N, C-alpha and C. Protein backbone atom coordinates (compact mmCIF):
# COMPACT_ATOMS: atom_id res chain seq x y z
N MET A 1 79.61 120.93 93.80
CA MET A 1 80.87 120.85 94.53
C MET A 1 82.01 120.84 93.53
N ARG A 2 83.02 121.63 93.82
CA ARG A 2 84.18 121.70 92.93
C ARG A 2 85.45 121.37 93.68
N GLY A 3 86.40 120.80 92.94
CA GLY A 3 87.73 120.55 93.46
C GLY A 3 88.74 121.09 92.48
N VAL A 4 90.00 120.80 92.72
CA VAL A 4 91.05 121.32 91.85
C VAL A 4 92.22 120.34 91.79
N TYR A 5 92.79 120.22 90.60
CA TYR A 5 94.04 119.49 90.41
C TYR A 5 95.12 120.55 90.32
N CYS A 6 95.82 120.79 91.42
CA CYS A 6 96.74 121.92 91.50
C CYS A 6 97.92 121.73 90.54
N THR A 7 98.31 122.81 89.92
CA THR A 7 99.52 122.80 89.12
C THR A 7 100.73 122.90 90.05
N ARG A 8 101.92 122.65 89.50
CA ARG A 8 103.07 122.35 90.33
C ARG A 8 103.57 123.52 91.17
N GLU A 9 103.17 124.76 90.87
CA GLU A 9 103.67 125.86 91.69
C GLU A 9 103.21 125.76 93.14
N ILE A 10 102.11 125.05 93.40
CA ILE A 10 101.61 124.90 94.76
C ILE A 10 102.59 124.09 95.61
N SER A 11 103.21 123.07 95.01
CA SER A 11 104.07 122.18 95.78
C SER A 11 105.52 122.18 95.31
N GLU A 12 105.89 123.14 94.49
CA GLU A 12 107.27 123.24 94.00
C GLU A 12 108.24 123.38 95.17
N GLY A 13 109.26 122.52 95.22
CA GLY A 13 110.27 122.60 96.26
C GLY A 13 109.83 122.08 97.61
N LEU A 14 108.63 121.52 97.68
CA LEU A 14 108.06 121.05 98.95
C LEU A 14 108.41 119.58 99.16
N SER A 15 108.72 119.21 100.40
CA SER A 15 108.90 117.80 100.72
C SER A 15 107.63 117.04 100.33
N ILE A 16 107.80 115.79 99.92
CA ILE A 16 106.63 115.02 99.49
C ILE A 16 105.88 114.39 100.67
N SER A 17 106.32 114.61 101.90
CA SER A 17 105.68 113.98 103.05
C SER A 17 104.29 114.57 103.27
N PRO A 18 103.34 113.76 103.75
CA PRO A 18 101.99 114.28 103.98
C PRO A 18 101.96 115.38 105.04
N GLU A 19 102.84 115.30 106.03
CA GLU A 19 102.87 116.33 107.07
C GLU A 19 103.23 117.69 106.48
N THR A 20 104.25 117.70 105.62
CA THR A 20 104.68 118.96 105.01
C THR A 20 103.61 119.51 104.08
N VAL A 21 102.98 118.63 103.33
CA VAL A 21 101.91 119.06 102.43
C VAL A 21 100.76 119.68 103.22
N ARG A 22 100.36 119.04 104.30
CA ARG A 22 99.26 119.59 105.10
C ARG A 22 99.62 120.96 105.68
N ALA A 23 100.86 121.11 106.15
CA ALA A 23 101.28 122.40 106.68
C ALA A 23 101.20 123.49 105.61
N ARG A 24 101.63 123.16 104.40
CA ARG A 24 101.56 124.12 103.29
C ARG A 24 100.11 124.48 102.98
N LEU A 25 99.23 123.51 102.97
CA LEU A 25 97.83 123.78 102.66
C LEU A 25 97.16 124.60 103.76
N ARG A 26 97.59 124.40 104.99
CA ARG A 26 97.04 125.22 106.08
C ARG A 26 97.42 126.69 105.92
N GLU A 27 98.59 126.94 105.32
CA GLU A 27 98.98 128.32 105.02
C GLU A 27 98.12 128.90 103.90
N LEU A 28 97.84 128.08 102.90
CA LEU A 28 97.10 128.56 101.73
C LEU A 28 95.60 128.64 101.97
N LEU A 29 95.11 127.80 102.87
CA LEU A 29 93.66 127.75 103.15
C LEU A 29 93.46 127.89 104.66
N PRO A 30 93.77 129.07 105.23
CA PRO A 30 93.70 129.23 106.68
C PRO A 30 92.30 128.96 107.22
N GLY A 31 92.28 128.28 108.35
CA GLY A 31 91.01 127.97 108.99
C GLY A 31 90.35 126.71 108.49
N SER A 32 90.90 126.10 107.45
CA SER A 32 90.30 124.89 106.89
C SER A 32 90.75 123.65 107.66
N ARG A 33 89.85 122.68 107.77
CA ARG A 33 90.21 121.38 108.31
C ARG A 33 90.68 120.53 107.14
N ILE A 34 91.94 120.13 107.15
CA ILE A 34 92.57 119.49 106.00
C ILE A 34 92.98 118.06 106.35
N TYR A 35 92.61 117.14 105.48
CA TYR A 35 92.95 115.74 105.68
C TYR A 35 93.90 115.28 104.58
N VAL A 36 94.99 114.65 104.98
CA VAL A 36 95.95 114.04 104.06
C VAL A 36 96.14 112.59 104.45
N LEU A 37 96.72 111.82 103.55
CA LEU A 37 96.87 110.38 103.77
C LEU A 37 98.33 109.96 103.65
N ASP A 38 98.68 108.92 104.38
CA ASP A 38 99.94 108.21 104.17
C ASP A 38 99.64 107.15 103.11
N GLN A 39 99.86 107.49 101.85
CA GLN A 39 99.42 106.65 100.74
C GLN A 39 100.34 105.45 100.56
N VAL A 40 99.74 104.27 100.45
CA VAL A 40 100.53 103.04 100.45
C VAL A 40 100.16 102.12 99.28
N HIS A 41 99.51 102.64 98.24
CA HIS A 41 99.12 101.85 97.06
C HIS A 41 98.23 100.67 97.44
N SER A 42 97.25 100.96 98.29
CA SER A 42 96.33 99.93 98.77
C SER A 42 94.93 100.21 98.21
N ASP A 43 93.95 99.47 98.73
CA ASP A 43 92.55 99.80 98.44
C ASP A 43 91.86 100.30 99.71
N GLY A 44 92.65 100.74 100.67
CA GLY A 44 92.09 101.22 101.93
C GLY A 44 91.45 102.58 101.79
N ILE A 45 90.24 102.73 102.33
CA ILE A 45 89.50 103.98 102.29
C ILE A 45 89.01 104.28 103.70
N VAL A 46 89.17 105.53 104.13
CA VAL A 46 88.78 105.93 105.48
C VAL A 46 87.71 107.00 105.42
N LEU A 47 87.00 107.16 106.53
CA LEU A 47 85.98 108.19 106.67
C LEU A 47 86.55 109.32 107.52
N ALA A 48 86.52 110.54 106.99
CA ALA A 48 87.13 111.68 107.68
C ALA A 48 86.55 111.87 109.08
N GLN A 49 85.25 111.64 109.24
CA GLN A 49 84.59 111.89 110.51
C GLN A 49 85.01 110.89 111.60
N GLU A 50 85.73 109.86 111.22
CA GLU A 50 86.22 108.89 112.21
C GLU A 50 87.67 109.15 112.59
N LEU A 51 88.26 110.23 112.05
CA LEU A 51 89.66 110.54 112.31
C LEU A 51 89.80 111.68 113.30
N ALA A 52 90.86 111.64 114.10
CA ALA A 52 91.21 112.79 114.94
C ALA A 52 91.79 113.88 114.04
N PRO A 53 91.74 115.15 114.48
CA PRO A 53 92.17 116.27 113.62
C PRO A 53 93.55 116.12 113.00
N ASP A 54 94.51 115.52 113.72
CA ASP A 54 95.88 115.43 113.19
C ASP A 54 96.24 114.04 112.68
N ASP A 55 95.26 113.16 112.58
CA ASP A 55 95.53 111.82 112.07
C ASP A 55 96.00 111.86 110.61
N ILE A 56 96.95 111.00 110.28
CA ILE A 56 97.35 110.77 108.89
C ILE A 56 97.30 109.26 108.68
N PRO A 57 96.15 108.73 108.32
CA PRO A 57 96.00 107.28 108.24
C PRO A 57 96.70 106.70 107.01
N SER A 58 97.12 105.45 107.12
CA SER A 58 97.66 104.73 105.97
C SER A 58 96.48 104.24 105.14
N ALA A 59 96.23 104.91 104.03
CA ALA A 59 95.09 104.60 103.18
C ALA A 59 95.31 105.30 101.85
N ASP A 60 94.47 104.98 100.87
CA ASP A 60 94.59 105.62 99.56
C ASP A 60 93.28 106.23 99.08
N GLY A 61 92.32 106.30 99.98
CA GLY A 61 91.08 106.99 99.67
C GLY A 61 90.47 107.53 100.95
N ILE A 62 89.73 108.63 100.81
CA ILE A 62 89.08 109.23 101.97
C ILE A 62 87.74 109.80 101.54
N ILE A 63 86.72 109.56 102.36
CA ILE A 63 85.37 110.06 102.13
C ILE A 63 85.02 110.98 103.29
N SER A 64 84.26 112.04 103.02
CA SER A 64 83.79 112.92 104.08
C SER A 64 82.30 113.19 103.90
N ARG A 65 81.58 113.19 105.00
CA ARG A 65 80.16 113.54 104.99
C ARG A 65 79.96 115.02 105.28
N ASP A 66 81.04 115.76 105.23
CA ASP A 66 81.02 117.21 105.42
C ASP A 66 81.84 117.82 104.29
N SER A 67 81.20 118.55 103.38
CA SER A 67 81.91 119.08 102.21
C SER A 67 82.66 120.38 102.52
N ASP A 68 82.63 120.84 103.78
CA ASP A 68 83.40 122.02 104.14
C ASP A 68 84.85 121.69 104.47
N VAL A 69 85.15 120.43 104.73
CA VAL A 69 86.54 120.05 104.98
C VAL A 69 87.26 119.92 103.64
N VAL A 70 88.58 119.85 103.70
CA VAL A 70 89.40 119.73 102.49
C VAL A 70 90.10 118.37 102.51
N LEU A 71 89.89 117.59 101.44
CA LEU A 71 90.54 116.30 101.27
C LEU A 71 91.66 116.43 100.25
N CYS A 72 92.81 115.89 100.54
CA CYS A 72 93.98 116.03 99.65
C CYS A 72 94.59 114.66 99.37
N ILE A 73 94.93 114.43 98.11
CA ILE A 73 95.77 113.30 97.75
C ILE A 73 96.94 113.81 96.91
N ARG A 74 98.04 113.03 96.95
CA ARG A 74 99.28 113.41 96.27
C ARG A 74 99.58 112.39 95.18
N THR A 75 99.92 112.87 94.00
CA THR A 75 100.24 111.96 92.90
C THR A 75 101.46 112.46 92.13
N ALA A 76 102.10 111.53 91.41
CA ALA A 76 103.20 111.91 90.53
C ALA A 76 103.19 111.01 89.31
N ASP A 77 102.03 110.67 88.84
CA ASP A 77 101.71 109.86 87.66
C ASP A 77 100.46 109.04 87.90
N CYS A 78 100.21 108.63 89.16
CA CYS A 78 98.99 107.89 89.48
C CYS A 78 97.77 108.77 89.21
N VAL A 79 96.60 108.16 89.25
CA VAL A 79 95.36 108.87 88.92
C VAL A 79 94.74 109.48 90.18
N PRO A 80 94.54 110.80 90.20
CA PRO A 80 93.73 111.38 91.27
C PRO A 80 92.27 111.37 90.84
N VAL A 81 91.41 110.80 91.66
CA VAL A 81 89.98 110.76 91.38
C VAL A 81 89.25 111.51 92.49
N LEU A 82 88.55 112.57 92.12
CA LEU A 82 87.76 113.36 93.07
C LEU A 82 86.29 113.02 92.88
N LEU A 83 85.57 112.90 93.99
CA LEU A 83 84.17 112.48 93.97
C LEU A 83 83.30 113.51 94.69
N TRP A 84 82.15 113.80 94.13
CA TRP A 84 81.21 114.70 94.79
C TRP A 84 79.80 114.34 94.40
N VAL A 85 78.83 114.87 95.15
CA VAL A 85 77.44 114.48 95.00
C VAL A 85 76.59 115.73 94.78
N ASP A 86 75.63 115.65 93.86
CA ASP A 86 74.81 116.82 93.53
C ASP A 86 73.97 117.29 94.71
N ASP A 87 73.37 116.38 95.45
CA ASP A 87 72.34 116.76 96.41
C ASP A 87 72.65 116.37 97.85
N MET A 88 73.90 116.04 98.14
CA MET A 88 74.31 115.70 99.50
C MET A 88 75.72 116.25 99.74
N PRO A 89 76.05 116.63 100.98
CA PRO A 89 77.38 117.18 101.27
C PRO A 89 78.42 116.08 101.48
N ILE A 90 78.53 115.17 100.53
CA ILE A 90 79.48 114.06 100.62
C ILE A 90 80.53 114.23 99.53
N ILE A 91 81.79 114.11 99.89
CA ILE A 91 82.89 114.24 98.94
C ILE A 91 83.89 113.11 99.17
N GLY A 92 84.75 112.90 98.18
CA GLY A 92 85.77 111.87 98.33
C GLY A 92 86.99 112.17 97.47
N ALA A 93 88.09 111.55 97.81
CA ALA A 93 89.33 111.67 97.05
C ALA A 93 90.04 110.33 97.07
N VAL A 94 90.50 109.90 95.90
CA VAL A 94 91.12 108.57 95.77
C VAL A 94 92.44 108.70 95.02
N HIS A 95 93.47 108.03 95.54
CA HIS A 95 94.77 107.90 94.89
C HIS A 95 94.80 106.53 94.23
N ALA A 96 94.82 106.51 92.88
CA ALA A 96 94.68 105.24 92.17
C ALA A 96 95.88 104.99 91.26
N GLY A 97 96.87 104.29 91.77
CA GLY A 97 97.94 103.78 90.93
C GLY A 97 97.52 102.43 90.37
N TRP A 98 98.41 101.77 89.65
CA TRP A 98 97.99 100.49 89.05
C TRP A 98 97.68 99.45 90.11
N ARG A 99 98.39 99.49 91.23
CA ARG A 99 98.11 98.51 92.29
C ARG A 99 96.73 98.74 92.90
N GLY A 100 96.41 100.01 93.17
CA GLY A 100 95.08 100.32 93.71
C GLY A 100 93.98 100.00 92.72
N LEU A 101 94.21 100.32 91.45
CA LEU A 101 93.22 100.00 90.42
C LEU A 101 93.01 98.50 90.30
N ALA A 102 94.09 97.74 90.42
CA ALA A 102 93.96 96.28 90.36
C ALA A 102 93.10 95.75 91.50
N LYS A 103 93.06 96.49 92.61
CA LYS A 103 92.23 96.09 93.76
C LYS A 103 90.85 96.74 93.74
N GLY A 104 90.57 97.54 92.69
CA GLY A 104 89.24 98.13 92.55
C GLY A 104 88.98 99.33 93.43
N ILE A 105 90.00 100.13 93.74
CA ILE A 105 89.82 101.19 94.71
C ILE A 105 88.84 102.27 94.27
N VAL A 106 88.78 102.60 92.98
CA VAL A 106 87.85 103.65 92.54
C VAL A 106 86.41 103.17 92.70
N LYS A 107 86.14 101.97 92.26
CA LYS A 107 84.80 101.40 92.43
C LYS A 107 84.44 101.32 93.91
N LYS A 108 85.40 100.92 94.73
CA LYS A 108 85.15 100.80 96.17
C LYS A 108 84.80 102.15 96.79
N GLY A 109 85.50 103.23 96.35
CA GLY A 109 85.21 104.55 96.88
C GLY A 109 83.79 105.00 96.54
N ILE A 110 83.37 104.74 95.32
CA ILE A 110 82.01 105.12 94.90
C ILE A 110 80.98 104.30 95.67
N GLU A 111 81.24 103.02 95.84
CA GLU A 111 80.31 102.17 96.60
C GLU A 111 80.22 102.62 98.06
N TYR A 112 81.31 103.11 98.60
CA TYR A 112 81.31 103.65 99.97
C TYR A 112 80.35 104.83 100.04
N MET A 113 80.39 105.70 99.05
CA MET A 113 79.47 106.85 99.03
C MET A 113 78.03 106.39 98.84
N HIS A 114 77.82 105.35 98.04
CA HIS A 114 76.49 104.78 97.89
C HIS A 114 75.93 104.32 99.25
N SER A 115 76.82 103.83 100.11
CA SER A 115 76.37 103.30 101.40
C SER A 115 75.77 104.37 102.30
N PHE A 116 76.05 105.64 102.00
CA PHE A 116 75.47 106.75 102.75
C PHE A 116 74.23 107.31 102.06
N GLY A 117 73.79 106.64 101.02
CA GLY A 117 72.59 107.07 100.32
C GLY A 117 72.84 107.97 99.13
N ALA A 118 74.10 108.21 98.79
CA ALA A 118 74.42 109.07 97.64
C ALA A 118 74.10 108.36 96.34
N THR A 119 73.43 109.07 95.43
CA THR A 119 73.10 108.49 94.13
C THR A 119 73.65 109.34 92.98
N LYS A 120 73.54 110.64 93.08
CA LYS A 120 73.98 111.51 91.99
C LYS A 120 75.46 111.87 92.17
N ILE A 121 76.31 110.86 91.98
CA ILE A 121 77.74 111.00 92.24
C ILE A 121 78.47 111.38 90.95
N HIS A 122 79.33 112.39 91.07
CA HIS A 122 80.23 112.77 89.98
C HIS A 122 81.63 112.28 90.32
N ALA A 123 82.39 111.94 89.29
CA ALA A 123 83.80 111.58 89.46
C ALA A 123 84.64 112.43 88.53
N GLY A 124 85.68 113.03 89.07
CA GLY A 124 86.64 113.78 88.28
C GLY A 124 87.95 113.00 88.19
N ILE A 125 88.37 112.68 86.98
CA ILE A 125 89.63 111.96 86.76
C ILE A 125 90.68 112.98 86.36
N GLY A 126 91.68 113.16 87.21
CA GLY A 126 92.63 114.25 87.03
C GLY A 126 93.85 113.87 86.22
N PRO A 127 94.83 114.79 86.16
CA PRO A 127 96.06 114.55 85.40
C PRO A 127 96.81 113.33 85.92
N CYS A 128 97.22 112.47 85.00
CA CYS A 128 97.99 111.27 85.34
C CYS A 128 98.81 110.90 84.11
N ILE A 129 99.71 109.98 84.27
CA ILE A 129 100.51 109.57 83.11
C ILE A 129 99.59 108.90 82.08
N GLY A 130 99.75 109.28 80.83
CA GLY A 130 98.89 108.76 79.78
C GLY A 130 99.47 107.52 79.11
N PRO A 131 98.66 106.84 78.32
CA PRO A 131 99.15 105.67 77.60
C PRO A 131 100.24 106.02 76.58
N CYS A 132 100.38 107.30 76.28
CA CYS A 132 101.47 107.74 75.41
C CYS A 132 102.84 107.52 76.04
N CYS A 133 102.89 107.51 77.39
CA CYS A 133 104.16 107.49 78.11
C CYS A 133 104.31 106.35 79.11
N TYR A 134 103.25 105.60 79.36
CA TYR A 134 103.28 104.64 80.45
C TYR A 134 103.45 103.21 79.94
N GLU A 135 104.71 102.87 79.59
CA GLU A 135 105.02 101.51 79.18
C GLU A 135 105.10 100.62 80.42
N VAL A 136 104.48 99.47 80.36
CA VAL A 136 104.42 98.58 81.52
C VAL A 136 104.83 97.17 81.12
N GLY A 137 105.07 96.36 82.13
CA GLY A 137 105.44 94.97 81.93
C GLY A 137 104.26 94.03 82.07
N ARG A 138 104.51 92.77 81.83
CA ARG A 138 103.45 91.77 81.88
C ARG A 138 102.80 91.68 83.26
N ASN A 139 103.57 91.90 84.33
CA ASN A 139 103.00 91.80 85.68
C ASN A 139 101.90 92.81 85.90
N VAL A 140 102.08 94.03 85.36
CA VAL A 140 101.05 95.06 85.50
C VAL A 140 99.83 94.71 84.67
N VAL A 141 100.06 94.26 83.46
CA VAL A 141 98.95 93.87 82.58
C VAL A 141 98.14 92.75 83.20
N ASP A 142 98.82 91.76 83.77
CA ASP A 142 98.12 90.64 84.39
C ASP A 142 97.29 91.10 85.58
N ALA A 143 97.77 92.13 86.30
CA ALA A 143 97.06 92.62 87.47
C ALA A 143 95.84 93.46 87.09
N ILE A 144 95.99 94.29 86.07
CA ILE A 144 94.93 95.21 85.66
C ILE A 144 93.94 94.54 84.72
N GLY A 145 94.42 93.71 83.83
CA GLY A 145 93.61 93.15 82.76
C GLY A 145 94.01 93.79 81.45
N THR A 146 93.54 93.23 80.36
CA THR A 146 94.01 93.65 79.04
C THR A 146 93.19 94.77 78.41
N GLU A 147 92.02 95.08 78.96
CA GLU A 147 91.12 96.03 78.31
C GLU A 147 91.75 97.40 78.14
N GLU A 148 92.55 97.84 79.12
CA GLU A 148 93.11 99.19 79.09
C GLU A 148 94.55 99.21 78.57
N VAL A 149 94.98 98.15 77.91
CA VAL A 149 96.36 98.05 77.43
C VAL A 149 96.41 98.31 75.93
N ILE A 150 97.39 99.12 75.54
CA ILE A 150 97.62 99.43 74.13
C ILE A 150 98.92 98.75 73.72
N HIS A 151 98.89 97.99 72.64
CA HIS A 151 100.08 97.28 72.16
C HIS A 151 100.72 98.07 71.03
N ALA A 152 102.03 98.23 71.12
CA ALA A 152 102.80 98.90 70.06
C ALA A 152 104.07 98.10 69.84
N GLY A 153 104.08 97.29 68.81
CA GLY A 153 105.22 96.41 68.60
C GLY A 153 105.31 95.41 69.73
N HIS A 154 106.48 95.34 70.35
CA HIS A 154 106.67 94.43 71.47
C HIS A 154 106.42 95.11 72.81
N SER A 155 105.97 96.35 72.80
CA SER A 155 105.75 97.11 74.03
C SER A 155 104.26 97.18 74.36
N MET A 156 103.97 97.37 75.67
CA MET A 156 102.60 97.51 76.14
C MET A 156 102.49 98.80 76.95
N TYR A 157 101.44 99.55 76.70
CA TYR A 157 101.21 100.83 77.36
C TYR A 157 99.85 100.80 78.05
N LEU A 158 99.82 101.29 79.29
CA LEU A 158 98.60 101.21 80.09
C LEU A 158 97.89 102.55 80.15
N ASP A 159 96.58 102.51 79.97
CA ASP A 159 95.72 103.68 80.09
C ASP A 159 95.13 103.71 81.49
N LEU A 160 95.84 104.35 82.42
CA LEU A 160 95.39 104.41 83.81
C LEU A 160 94.05 105.13 83.93
N ALA A 161 93.91 106.28 83.25
CA ALA A 161 92.67 107.03 83.33
C ALA A 161 91.51 106.20 82.78
N GLY A 162 91.77 105.43 81.73
CA GLY A 162 90.75 104.56 81.18
C GLY A 162 90.32 103.49 82.16
N ALA A 163 91.28 102.96 82.92
CA ALA A 163 90.96 101.96 83.94
C ALA A 163 90.11 102.58 85.04
N ALA A 164 90.43 103.82 85.43
CA ALA A 164 89.63 104.51 86.45
C ALA A 164 88.21 104.76 85.93
N LEU A 165 88.10 105.17 84.66
CA LEU A 165 86.78 105.39 84.06
C LEU A 165 85.97 104.10 84.06
N SER A 166 86.59 102.99 83.70
CA SER A 166 85.88 101.71 83.68
C SER A 166 85.31 101.37 85.06
N GLN A 167 86.08 101.65 86.12
CA GLN A 167 85.58 101.36 87.46
C GLN A 167 84.44 102.29 87.85
N CYS A 168 84.48 103.53 87.38
CA CYS A 168 83.36 104.45 87.64
C CYS A 168 82.08 103.90 87.02
N LEU A 169 82.18 103.44 85.80
CA LEU A 169 81.00 102.92 85.10
C LEU A 169 80.53 101.61 85.74
N GLU A 170 81.47 100.77 86.17
CA GLU A 170 81.11 99.53 86.84
C GLU A 170 80.37 99.80 88.15
N ALA A 171 80.69 100.93 88.78
CA ALA A 171 80.04 101.30 90.04
C ALA A 171 78.68 101.96 89.83
N GLY A 172 78.28 102.13 88.57
CA GLY A 172 76.95 102.65 88.29
C GLY A 172 76.88 104.09 87.84
N LEU A 173 78.02 104.77 87.71
CA LEU A 173 77.99 106.15 87.24
C LEU A 173 77.72 106.18 85.74
N MET A 174 76.96 107.18 85.30
CA MET A 174 76.72 107.37 83.88
C MET A 174 77.91 108.12 83.27
N ASN A 175 78.13 107.94 81.98
CA ASN A 175 79.26 108.58 81.31
C ASN A 175 79.30 110.08 81.55
N HIS A 176 78.14 110.75 81.52
CA HIS A 176 78.13 112.21 81.65
C HIS A 176 78.42 112.67 83.07
N MET A 177 78.49 111.73 84.02
CA MET A 177 78.82 112.09 85.40
C MET A 177 80.31 111.90 85.69
N VAL A 178 81.07 111.47 84.69
CA VAL A 178 82.51 111.28 84.84
C VAL A 178 83.22 112.33 84.00
N HIS A 179 84.11 113.10 84.63
CA HIS A 179 84.76 114.24 83.99
C HIS A 179 86.27 113.98 83.97
N ASN A 180 86.80 113.74 82.78
CA ASN A 180 88.21 113.38 82.62
C ASN A 180 88.95 114.55 81.98
N VAL A 181 89.98 115.07 82.66
CA VAL A 181 90.70 116.22 82.11
C VAL A 181 91.63 115.83 80.97
N ASN A 182 91.96 114.55 80.85
CA ASN A 182 92.78 114.05 79.73
C ASN A 182 94.11 114.80 79.59
N VAL A 183 94.85 114.90 80.68
CA VAL A 183 96.16 115.55 80.68
C VAL A 183 97.20 114.54 81.16
N CYS A 184 98.25 114.36 80.37
CA CYS A 184 99.33 113.45 80.74
C CYS A 184 100.38 114.21 81.56
N THR A 185 100.66 113.74 82.76
CA THR A 185 101.64 114.40 83.62
C THR A 185 103.04 114.37 83.02
N SER A 186 103.38 113.28 82.37
CA SER A 186 104.72 113.17 81.79
C SER A 186 104.93 114.12 80.62
N CYS A 187 103.88 114.41 79.90
CA CYS A 187 103.97 115.28 78.71
C CYS A 187 103.93 116.77 79.04
N HIS A 188 103.66 117.13 80.29
CA HIS A 188 103.48 118.55 80.64
C HIS A 188 104.38 118.92 81.82
N PRO A 189 105.70 118.98 81.61
CA PRO A 189 106.63 119.25 82.71
C PRO A 189 106.46 120.63 83.32
N GLY A 190 105.93 121.59 82.57
CA GLY A 190 105.73 122.92 83.12
C GLY A 190 104.58 123.01 84.09
N GLN A 191 103.67 122.03 84.03
CA GLN A 191 102.48 122.07 84.87
C GLN A 191 102.46 121.02 85.97
N PHE A 192 103.01 119.81 85.68
CA PHE A 192 102.83 118.71 86.61
C PHE A 192 104.11 117.90 86.78
N PHE A 193 104.26 117.36 87.99
CA PHE A 193 105.36 116.45 88.28
C PHE A 193 105.05 115.07 87.69
N SER A 194 106.12 114.33 87.36
CA SER A 194 105.97 112.98 86.84
C SER A 194 107.12 112.12 87.35
N TYR A 195 106.79 111.05 88.04
CA TYR A 195 107.83 110.14 88.53
C TYR A 195 108.48 109.39 87.37
N ARG A 196 107.68 108.98 86.40
CA ARG A 196 108.24 108.27 85.24
C ARG A 196 109.22 109.15 84.48
N ARG A 197 108.97 110.43 84.43
CA ARG A 197 109.84 111.37 83.70
C ARG A 197 111.05 111.79 84.53
N ASP A 198 110.83 112.07 85.83
CA ASP A 198 111.86 112.70 86.66
C ASP A 198 112.47 111.79 87.71
N GLY A 199 111.93 110.61 87.92
CA GLY A 199 112.47 109.70 88.91
C GLY A 199 112.29 110.21 90.33
N ASP A 200 113.26 109.89 91.19
CA ASP A 200 113.15 110.23 92.61
C ASP A 200 113.12 111.74 92.85
N ALA A 201 113.54 112.53 91.87
CA ALA A 201 113.53 113.99 92.04
C ALA A 201 112.14 114.58 91.88
N ALA A 202 111.19 113.78 91.46
CA ALA A 202 109.85 114.30 91.20
C ALA A 202 109.17 114.75 92.49
N GLY A 203 108.51 115.90 92.41
CA GLY A 203 107.65 116.34 93.49
C GLY A 203 106.31 115.63 93.41
N ARG A 204 105.31 116.20 94.08
CA ARG A 204 103.99 115.60 94.07
C ARG A 204 102.94 116.63 93.65
N ASN A 205 102.03 116.19 92.79
CA ASN A 205 100.90 117.00 92.40
C ASN A 205 99.81 116.83 93.46
N LEU A 206 99.17 117.93 93.83
CA LEU A 206 98.13 117.89 94.85
C LEU A 206 96.76 118.02 94.20
N SER A 207 95.87 117.13 94.57
CA SER A 207 94.48 117.21 94.12
C SER A 207 93.61 117.36 95.35
N LEU A 208 92.71 118.34 95.31
CA LEU A 208 91.94 118.73 96.49
C LEU A 208 90.47 118.83 96.16
N ILE A 209 89.65 118.53 97.16
CA ILE A 209 88.22 118.77 97.04
C ILE A 209 87.67 119.16 98.40
N GLY A 210 86.66 120.04 98.39
CA GLY A 210 86.02 120.48 99.61
C GLY A 210 86.45 121.87 100.04
N GLY A 211 85.65 122.49 100.88
CA GLY A 211 85.95 123.83 101.37
C GLY A 211 86.17 124.81 100.25
N LYS A 212 87.23 125.61 100.38
CA LYS A 212 87.59 126.57 99.34
C LYS A 212 88.80 126.11 98.53
N SER A 213 89.00 124.81 98.46
CA SER A 213 90.14 124.28 97.71
C SER A 213 90.11 124.70 96.25
N TRP A 214 88.91 124.90 95.69
CA TRP A 214 88.76 125.29 94.29
C TRP A 214 89.44 126.62 93.98
N SER A 215 89.75 127.42 95.03
CA SER A 215 90.33 128.74 94.81
C SER A 215 91.82 128.68 94.47
N LEU A 216 92.46 127.53 94.64
CA LEU A 216 93.89 127.39 94.37
C LEU A 216 94.12 127.21 92.87
N PRO A 217 95.31 127.59 92.38
CA PRO A 217 95.58 127.48 90.93
C PRO A 217 95.67 126.03 90.46
N GLY A 218 95.08 125.77 89.32
CA GLY A 218 95.12 124.44 88.76
C GLY A 218 93.97 124.22 87.80
N LEU A 219 93.71 122.97 87.49
CA LEU A 219 92.61 122.60 86.63
C LEU A 219 91.39 122.28 87.48
N GLN A 220 90.28 122.90 87.19
CA GLN A 220 89.09 122.72 87.99
C GLN A 220 88.44 121.37 87.73
N ALA A 221 87.93 120.77 88.80
CA ALA A 221 87.11 119.57 88.70
C ALA A 221 85.68 119.99 89.00
N GLU A 222 84.86 120.02 87.96
CA GLU A 222 83.47 120.46 88.16
C GLU A 222 82.59 119.92 87.07
């Protein structure tokens, strides 16, 4: 199963609302059943098969037992984590900012897939703000823990992707089953939006898995 971390041309000039994003994806992937979320920096995870076709639930993760549907999450520095299974049609997508990571959302998403009998789970960690650019305060460090914090003088920088990786391993994934693209959104303005870099003017990067989402331009998750 493959997904994609779309580069910014997919959502350039697009409203950041989930409704607008879904409408755009329906144009790009006609005939696909597309699920988007009203992301609220929580640890809430929903099952696609329990949603009505036009539902946009308030959650930050979604699992599907049908890999023909398309799952979408929107980020602008947070970590997009895509999940897939070698031998079962189960997929997932997680939006993991520091608040969600502090609540263990990545580990929770993997454990949700385990509950359906999935064992050979892959996790793709997509473009997010890197520790090179993500200076944080003591409140964030206290919430996440110190393991993923880099100290430089009197400043502290958080490795969000590293925190997501740690949760993957805590959930039982082997290192070779976790695929990290190692791209900082703030450092690559030509490819990705960044809230830390651009503020309220930032658009949203779309990360997709399922169906023919892999056909869209971006970095492949495989």
